[in-house]
N, C-alpha and C. Protein backbone atom coordinates (compact mmCIF):
# COMPACT_ATOMS: atom_id res chain seq x y z
N MET A 1 139.05 157.08 94.62
CA MET A 1 139.33 155.74 94.14
C MET A 1 140.32 155.08 95.08
N ASN A 2 139.92 154.00 95.66
CA ASN A 2 140.79 153.17 96.50
C ASN A 2 141.41 152.13 95.59
N ARG A 3 142.68 152.34 95.23
CA ARG A 3 143.34 151.48 94.26
C ARG A 3 143.52 150.06 94.76
N GLU A 4 143.79 149.88 96.03
CA GLU A 4 144.01 148.53 96.55
C GLU A 4 142.77 147.65 96.40
N ASP A 5 141.60 148.23 96.65
CA ASP A 5 140.35 147.48 96.60
C ASP A 5 139.55 147.73 95.33
N ASN A 6 140.05 148.59 94.43
CA ASN A 6 139.32 148.94 93.22
C ASN A 6 137.88 149.35 93.54
N ARG A 7 137.77 150.29 94.47
CA ARG A 7 136.46 150.80 94.89
C ARG A 7 136.43 152.30 94.64
N VAL A 8 135.36 152.77 94.00
CA VAL A 8 135.15 154.19 93.74
C VAL A 8 134.13 154.69 94.75
N SER A 9 134.43 155.81 95.40
CA SER A 9 133.50 156.42 96.33
C SER A 9 133.06 157.78 95.80
N PHE A 10 131.76 157.94 95.63
CA PHE A 10 131.19 159.25 95.32
C PHE A 10 130.88 159.87 96.68
N VAL A 11 131.46 161.04 96.94
CA VAL A 11 131.34 161.65 98.26
C VAL A 11 130.72 163.03 98.12
N HIS A 12 129.63 163.25 98.86
CA HIS A 12 129.00 164.56 98.89
C HIS A 12 129.32 165.21 100.23
N ARG A 13 129.49 166.51 100.21
CA ARG A 13 129.84 167.23 101.45
C ARG A 13 128.79 167.09 102.55
N ASN A 14 127.56 166.69 102.19
CA ASN A 14 126.51 166.50 103.20
C ASN A 14 126.67 165.18 103.95
N GLY A 15 127.69 164.40 103.60
CA GLY A 15 127.96 163.14 104.29
C GLY A 15 127.52 161.91 103.53
N PHE A 16 126.81 162.08 102.43
CA PHE A 16 126.37 160.94 101.63
C PHE A 16 127.57 160.34 100.90
N VAL A 17 127.75 159.03 101.01
CA VAL A 17 128.83 158.33 100.33
C VAL A 17 128.23 157.12 99.61
N LEU A 18 128.54 157.01 98.33
CA LEU A 18 128.11 155.86 97.55
C LEU A 18 129.38 155.18 97.03
N GLU A 19 129.54 153.91 97.36
CA GLU A 19 130.71 153.16 96.93
C GLU A 19 130.30 152.17 95.83
N VAL A 20 131.09 152.16 94.75
CA VAL A 20 130.81 151.27 93.61
C VAL A 20 132.11 150.59 93.17
N PRO A 21 132.02 149.46 92.51
CA PRO A 21 133.24 148.83 92.00
C PRO A 21 133.83 149.62 90.84
N GLY A 22 135.14 149.56 90.74
CA GLY A 22 135.85 150.19 89.63
C GLY A 22 136.98 149.26 89.21
N ALA A 23 137.71 149.69 88.20
CA ALA A 23 138.89 148.96 87.75
C ALA A 23 140.01 149.96 87.55
N THR A 24 141.23 149.55 87.84
CA THR A 24 142.39 150.42 87.68
C THR A 24 143.45 149.69 86.86
N GLY A 25 144.60 150.33 86.73
CA GLY A 25 145.67 149.86 85.86
C GLY A 25 146.28 148.53 86.27
N GLN A 26 146.71 147.81 85.26
CA GLN A 26 147.38 146.54 85.45
C GLN A 26 148.64 146.73 86.29
N ARG A 27 149.00 145.72 87.03
CA ARG A 27 150.16 145.79 87.94
C ARG A 27 151.45 145.37 87.24
N GLY A 28 151.73 145.98 86.13
CA GLY A 28 152.95 145.64 85.41
C GLY A 28 153.07 146.49 84.16
N ALA A 29 154.06 146.17 83.37
CA ALA A 29 154.30 146.91 82.14
C ALA A 29 153.33 146.45 81.06
N VAL A 30 152.89 147.41 80.24
CA VAL A 30 152.02 147.12 79.10
C VAL A 30 152.59 147.80 77.87
N PHE A 31 152.15 147.35 76.73
CA PHE A 31 152.48 148.00 75.47
C PHE A 31 151.15 148.45 74.89
N TYR A 32 150.95 149.76 74.80
CA TYR A 32 149.67 150.31 74.38
C TYR A 32 149.91 151.57 73.59
N LEU A 33 149.27 151.68 72.43
CA LEU A 33 149.39 152.84 71.55
C LEU A 33 150.85 153.18 71.24
N GLY A 34 151.64 152.13 71.02
CA GLY A 34 153.03 152.33 70.62
C GLY A 34 153.99 152.66 71.76
N HIS A 35 153.53 152.59 72.99
CA HIS A 35 154.39 152.91 74.14
C HIS A 35 154.41 151.75 75.12
N ARG A 36 155.55 151.53 75.74
CA ARG A 36 155.66 150.54 76.82
C ARG A 36 155.82 151.33 78.12
N TYR A 37 154.97 151.02 79.11
CA TYR A 37 155.02 151.75 80.38
C TYR A 37 154.38 150.93 81.49
N GLN A 38 154.60 151.36 82.73
CA GLN A 38 153.97 150.74 83.89
C GLN A 38 152.52 151.23 83.94
N ALA A 39 151.57 150.31 83.97
CA ALA A 39 150.16 150.66 83.84
C ALA A 39 149.45 150.92 85.16
N LEU A 40 150.08 150.67 86.29
CA LEU A 40 149.40 150.87 87.56
C LEU A 40 148.93 152.32 87.68
N THR A 41 147.67 152.52 87.97
CA THR A 41 147.09 153.85 88.07
C THR A 41 147.84 154.65 89.14
N PRO A 42 148.36 155.83 88.79
CA PRO A 42 149.12 156.62 89.76
C PRO A 42 148.25 157.15 90.89
N LEU A 43 148.86 157.26 92.06
CA LEU A 43 148.19 157.85 93.22
C LEU A 43 148.20 159.37 93.09
N GLY A 44 147.28 160.02 93.78
CA GLY A 44 147.32 161.47 93.85
C GLY A 44 145.98 162.12 93.55
N GLU A 45 146.03 163.45 93.50
CA GLU A 45 144.85 164.27 93.26
C GLU A 45 144.78 164.67 91.79
N TRP A 46 143.58 164.60 91.25
CA TRP A 46 143.34 164.90 89.84
C TRP A 46 142.11 165.79 89.72
N ASP A 47 141.94 166.38 88.55
CA ASP A 47 140.73 167.11 88.21
C ASP A 47 140.21 166.53 86.90
N ALA A 48 138.96 166.08 86.90
CA ALA A 48 138.31 165.67 85.65
C ALA A 48 137.72 166.95 85.06
N LYS A 49 138.32 167.43 83.96
CA LYS A 49 137.95 168.74 83.43
C LYS A 49 137.50 168.74 81.98
N SER A 50 137.72 167.66 81.26
CA SER A 50 137.27 167.67 79.87
C SER A 50 136.57 166.37 79.55
N TYR A 51 135.67 166.45 78.59
CA TYR A 51 134.82 165.33 78.22
C TYR A 51 134.95 165.11 76.72
N GLU A 52 135.11 163.86 76.32
CA GLU A 52 135.25 163.52 74.90
C GLU A 52 134.41 162.28 74.61
N ILE A 53 134.05 162.13 73.36
CA ILE A 53 133.44 160.88 72.89
C ILE A 53 134.48 160.19 72.03
N LYS A 54 134.81 158.96 72.38
CA LYS A 54 135.79 158.16 71.65
C LYS A 54 135.06 157.13 70.77
N SER A 55 135.65 156.82 69.64
CA SER A 55 135.01 155.87 68.72
C SER A 55 135.33 154.41 69.05
N ASP A 56 136.32 154.16 69.90
CA ASP A 56 136.71 152.81 70.29
C ASP A 56 135.79 152.33 71.42
N HIS A 57 134.73 151.60 71.05
CA HIS A 57 133.75 151.19 72.05
C HIS A 57 134.19 149.99 72.88
N VAL A 58 135.21 149.27 72.45
CA VAL A 58 135.75 148.19 73.28
C VAL A 58 136.45 148.81 74.48
N THR A 59 137.30 149.81 74.24
CA THR A 59 138.06 150.45 75.31
C THR A 59 137.20 151.41 76.13
N PHE A 60 136.28 152.13 75.50
CA PHE A 60 135.57 153.22 76.17
C PHE A 60 134.08 152.96 76.37
N GLY A 61 133.62 151.75 76.14
CA GLY A 61 132.22 151.41 76.37
C GLY A 61 131.31 151.84 75.23
N GLU A 62 130.06 151.42 75.34
CA GLU A 62 129.09 151.65 74.27
C GLU A 62 128.93 153.12 73.90
N ALA A 63 128.91 154.00 74.89
CA ALA A 63 128.73 155.43 74.62
C ALA A 63 130.05 156.12 74.25
N GLY A 64 131.19 155.49 74.54
CA GLY A 64 132.48 156.07 74.20
C GLY A 64 132.88 157.27 75.05
N GLU A 65 132.24 157.44 76.19
CA GLU A 65 132.51 158.62 77.03
C GLU A 65 133.86 158.51 77.74
N PHE A 66 134.59 159.64 77.76
CA PHE A 66 135.91 159.69 78.38
C PHE A 66 136.10 161.06 79.02
N TRP A 67 136.42 161.04 80.31
CA TRP A 67 136.72 162.27 81.04
C TRP A 67 138.22 162.31 81.29
N ARG A 68 138.90 163.28 80.72
CA ARG A 68 140.35 163.43 80.85
C ARG A 68 140.68 163.92 82.26
N LEU A 69 141.70 163.30 82.86
CA LEU A 69 142.18 163.74 84.18
C LEU A 69 143.35 164.70 83.99
N PHE A 70 143.30 165.78 84.73
CA PHE A 70 144.33 166.80 84.72
C PHE A 70 145.06 166.78 86.05
N ARG A 71 146.34 167.13 86.02
CA ARG A 71 147.13 167.28 87.25
C ARG A 71 147.91 168.58 87.11
N ASN A 72 147.84 169.40 88.16
CA ASN A 72 148.50 170.71 88.14
C ASN A 72 148.11 171.52 86.92
N GLY A 73 146.84 171.43 86.52
CA GLY A 73 146.32 172.20 85.41
C GLY A 73 146.67 171.67 84.03
N LYS A 74 147.40 170.55 83.96
CA LYS A 74 147.83 170.01 82.67
C LYS A 74 147.16 168.66 82.41
N PRO A 75 146.75 168.44 81.15
CA PRO A 75 146.13 167.15 80.83
C PRO A 75 147.14 166.01 80.95
N THR A 76 146.64 164.86 81.35
CA THR A 76 147.46 163.65 81.48
C THR A 76 146.90 162.59 80.52
N PRO A 77 147.59 161.48 80.36
CA PRO A 77 147.04 160.40 79.52
C PRO A 77 145.90 159.64 80.21
N TYR A 78 145.64 159.93 81.46
CA TYR A 78 144.68 159.17 82.26
C TYR A 78 143.29 159.78 82.19
N GLY A 79 142.29 158.93 82.44
CA GLY A 79 140.92 159.39 82.44
C GLY A 79 140.01 158.42 83.14
N ILE A 80 138.73 158.74 83.05
CA ILE A 80 137.67 157.91 83.62
C ILE A 80 136.75 157.52 82.47
N HIS A 81 136.42 156.23 82.39
CA HIS A 81 135.56 155.77 81.31
C HIS A 81 134.96 154.41 81.64
N ASP A 82 133.99 154.03 80.84
CA ASP A 82 133.40 152.69 80.87
C ASP A 82 134.26 151.81 79.96
N VAL A 83 134.03 150.55 79.92
CA VAL A 83 134.64 149.64 78.95
C VAL A 83 133.56 148.66 78.48
N GLU A 84 133.76 148.11 77.32
CA GLU A 84 132.78 147.15 76.80
C GLU A 84 132.55 146.01 77.79
N ALA A 85 133.61 145.59 78.46
CA ALA A 85 133.55 144.44 79.37
C ALA A 85 133.17 144.82 80.80
N SER A 86 132.69 146.05 81.03
CA SER A 86 132.47 146.48 82.41
C SER A 86 131.47 145.61 83.16
N GLY A 87 130.45 145.11 82.48
CA GLY A 87 129.50 144.24 83.17
C GLY A 87 130.18 143.01 83.74
N ARG A 88 131.13 142.46 82.99
CA ARG A 88 131.89 141.29 83.44
C ARG A 88 132.95 141.69 84.46
N TRP A 89 133.68 142.78 84.16
CA TRP A 89 134.77 143.21 85.05
C TRP A 89 134.27 143.55 86.44
N MET A 90 133.16 144.26 86.54
CA MET A 90 132.70 144.73 87.84
C MET A 90 132.16 143.60 88.70
N GLN A 91 131.97 142.42 88.12
CA GLN A 91 131.55 141.24 88.88
C GLN A 91 132.73 140.49 89.47
N LEU A 92 133.94 140.80 89.02
CA LEU A 92 135.14 140.13 89.51
C LEU A 92 135.45 140.57 90.94
N PRO A 93 136.16 139.75 91.71
CA PRO A 93 136.61 140.19 93.03
C PRO A 93 137.47 141.45 92.90
N ASP A 94 137.48 142.26 93.95
CA ASP A 94 138.21 143.54 93.94
C ASP A 94 139.63 143.40 93.42
N ASP A 95 140.34 142.37 93.90
CA ASP A 95 141.75 142.23 93.57
C ASP A 95 142.00 141.66 92.17
N GLU A 96 140.94 141.44 91.41
CA GLU A 96 141.10 140.95 90.03
C GLU A 96 140.67 142.00 89.00
N ARG A 97 140.42 143.23 89.45
CA ARG A 97 139.98 144.28 88.52
C ARG A 97 141.11 145.23 88.15
N PHE A 98 142.36 144.77 88.17
CA PHE A 98 143.50 145.56 87.69
C PHE A 98 143.62 145.25 86.20
N LYS A 99 142.83 145.92 85.37
CA LYS A 99 142.69 145.52 83.98
C LYS A 99 142.93 146.65 82.99
N THR A 100 142.94 147.91 83.41
CA THR A 100 143.06 149.01 82.46
C THR A 100 144.53 149.28 82.13
N TYR A 101 144.73 150.25 81.27
CA TYR A 101 146.09 150.69 80.92
C TYR A 101 146.49 151.91 81.76
N GLY A 102 145.84 152.09 82.90
CA GLY A 102 146.16 153.16 83.82
C GLY A 102 144.97 154.03 84.18
N CYS A 103 143.93 154.00 83.36
CA CYS A 103 142.74 154.80 83.62
C CYS A 103 141.89 154.17 84.73
N ILE A 104 140.87 154.90 85.15
CA ILE A 104 139.87 154.40 86.08
C ILE A 104 138.64 154.02 85.25
N ALA A 105 138.24 152.78 85.33
CA ALA A 105 137.04 152.33 84.61
C ALA A 105 135.94 152.05 85.63
N MET A 106 134.72 152.35 85.21
CA MET A 106 133.55 152.08 86.04
C MET A 106 132.50 151.42 85.16
N GLY A 107 131.52 150.80 85.81
CA GLY A 107 130.41 150.21 85.07
C GLY A 107 129.49 151.28 84.50
N THR A 108 128.62 150.87 83.61
CA THR A 108 127.75 151.79 82.89
C THR A 108 126.89 152.64 83.82
N ASP A 109 126.30 152.05 84.85
CA ASP A 109 125.47 152.82 85.79
C ASP A 109 126.31 153.84 86.56
N SER A 110 127.49 153.45 86.97
CA SER A 110 128.38 154.36 87.70
C SER A 110 128.85 155.49 86.80
N ILE A 111 129.10 155.18 85.53
CA ILE A 111 129.50 156.22 84.57
C ILE A 111 128.37 157.24 84.43
N ALA A 112 127.13 156.79 84.42
CA ALA A 112 126.00 157.72 84.34
C ALA A 112 125.99 158.66 85.54
N LEU A 113 126.28 158.13 86.72
CA LEU A 113 126.35 158.97 87.91
C LEU A 113 127.52 159.95 87.82
N PHE A 114 128.66 159.49 87.30
CA PHE A 114 129.80 160.38 87.14
C PHE A 114 129.46 161.50 86.14
N ARG A 115 128.79 161.15 85.04
CA ARG A 115 128.38 162.14 84.05
C ARG A 115 127.50 163.22 84.70
N ASP A 116 126.53 162.79 85.51
CA ASP A 116 125.65 163.74 86.20
C ASP A 116 126.44 164.64 87.15
N THR A 117 127.39 164.05 87.87
CA THR A 117 128.23 164.81 88.79
C THR A 117 129.06 165.83 88.02
N PHE A 118 129.63 165.42 86.92
CA PHE A 118 130.45 166.30 86.08
C PHE A 118 129.63 167.50 85.60
N GLU A 119 128.41 167.24 85.16
CA GLU A 119 127.53 168.33 84.70
C GLU A 119 127.16 169.27 85.85
N GLN A 120 126.80 168.71 86.99
CA GLN A 120 126.40 169.52 88.14
C GLN A 120 127.55 170.32 88.73
N ASP A 121 128.78 169.83 88.58
CA ASP A 121 129.95 170.51 89.14
C ASP A 121 130.67 171.36 88.09
N ASN A 122 129.93 171.79 87.07
CA ASN A 122 130.47 172.71 86.06
C ASN A 122 131.74 172.20 85.40
N HIS A 123 131.77 170.91 85.09
CA HIS A 123 132.86 170.29 84.33
C HIS A 123 134.21 170.36 85.05
N ASP A 124 134.18 170.21 86.36
CA ASP A 124 135.41 170.20 87.15
C ASP A 124 135.17 169.37 88.40
N VAL A 125 135.53 168.09 88.33
CA VAL A 125 135.31 167.17 89.44
C VAL A 125 136.66 166.77 90.02
N LYS A 126 136.78 166.85 91.34
CA LYS A 126 137.99 166.39 92.03
C LYS A 126 137.98 164.87 92.11
N VAL A 127 139.14 164.28 91.80
CA VAL A 127 139.29 162.83 91.84
C VAL A 127 140.57 162.53 92.62
N TRP A 128 140.46 161.65 93.61
CA TRP A 128 141.63 161.23 94.37
C TRP A 128 141.82 159.74 94.16
N VAL A 129 143.05 159.35 93.90
CA VAL A 129 143.41 157.94 93.85
C VAL A 129 144.30 157.70 95.05
N VAL A 130 143.82 156.87 95.97
CA VAL A 130 144.56 156.58 97.20
C VAL A 130 144.95 155.12 97.22
N ALA A 131 145.90 154.78 98.08
CA ALA A 131 146.50 153.45 98.07
C ALA A 131 145.65 152.37 98.71
N ASN A 132 144.86 152.72 99.74
CA ASN A 132 144.18 151.67 100.49
C ASN A 132 142.95 152.22 101.19
N ASP A 133 142.23 151.34 101.90
CA ASP A 133 140.98 151.72 102.56
C ASP A 133 141.20 152.75 103.66
N GLU A 134 142.28 152.64 104.40
CA GLU A 134 142.56 153.61 105.47
C GLU A 134 142.68 155.02 104.88
N GLN A 135 143.42 155.16 103.80
CA GLN A 135 143.56 156.46 103.15
C GLN A 135 142.23 156.92 102.54
N ALA A 136 141.45 155.99 102.01
CA ALA A 136 140.15 156.34 101.44
C ALA A 136 139.22 156.89 102.52
N GLN A 137 139.18 156.22 103.67
CA GLN A 137 138.31 156.69 104.76
C GLN A 137 138.75 158.06 105.28
N ALA A 138 140.06 158.29 105.36
CA ALA A 138 140.57 159.60 105.80
C ALA A 138 140.20 160.68 104.80
N LYS A 139 140.30 160.41 103.51
CA LYS A 139 139.95 161.40 102.48
C LYS A 139 138.45 161.68 102.50
N ILE A 140 137.64 160.66 102.67
CA ILE A 140 136.19 160.84 102.75
C ILE A 140 135.85 161.73 103.95
N ALA A 141 136.44 161.46 105.09
CA ALA A 141 136.20 162.28 106.29
C ALA A 141 136.63 163.73 106.06
N GLU A 142 137.74 163.92 105.39
CA GLU A 142 138.23 165.28 105.09
C GLU A 142 137.26 166.04 104.17
N ILE A 143 136.74 165.36 103.16
CA ILE A 143 135.80 166.00 102.24
C ILE A 143 134.51 166.39 102.96
N ILE A 144 134.00 165.49 103.77
CA ILE A 144 132.76 165.76 104.50
C ILE A 144 132.96 166.90 105.50
N ALA A 145 134.12 166.94 106.16
CA ALA A 145 134.39 168.01 107.13
C ALA A 145 134.54 169.37 106.46
N GLY A 146 134.87 169.34 105.15
CA GLY A 146 134.98 170.60 104.39
C GLY A 146 136.25 171.29 104.66
């Protein structure tokens, strides 16, 4: 995930790269679920290791799918999911998709691809959130090089 451009890259070790629009955390403080915090999606390496169905379809999209992100083996409040407004959000310019409460949101078609990847990778997908395109390209090259 390139946070600066709100672009998600699916990277396969064979060199195939698919880039899709995404949305990340708002660039300021939010009040959500009884907590006030900075919503900007944190940088770093994550593991998507658990899958849940949420009943809040506005926040988590029609299917309610949510993949929890783990760091250092521990669950975090962050995850990957669709949102009810993803069709509208993903049409916005890159720099206007800072809309979540810190999670990574993708459109419905991209979520389907993530779901397939999660299943094929035995419920353990590596996720990197990087600051900009230069870091994204370096990470993609590193993954392809193995």
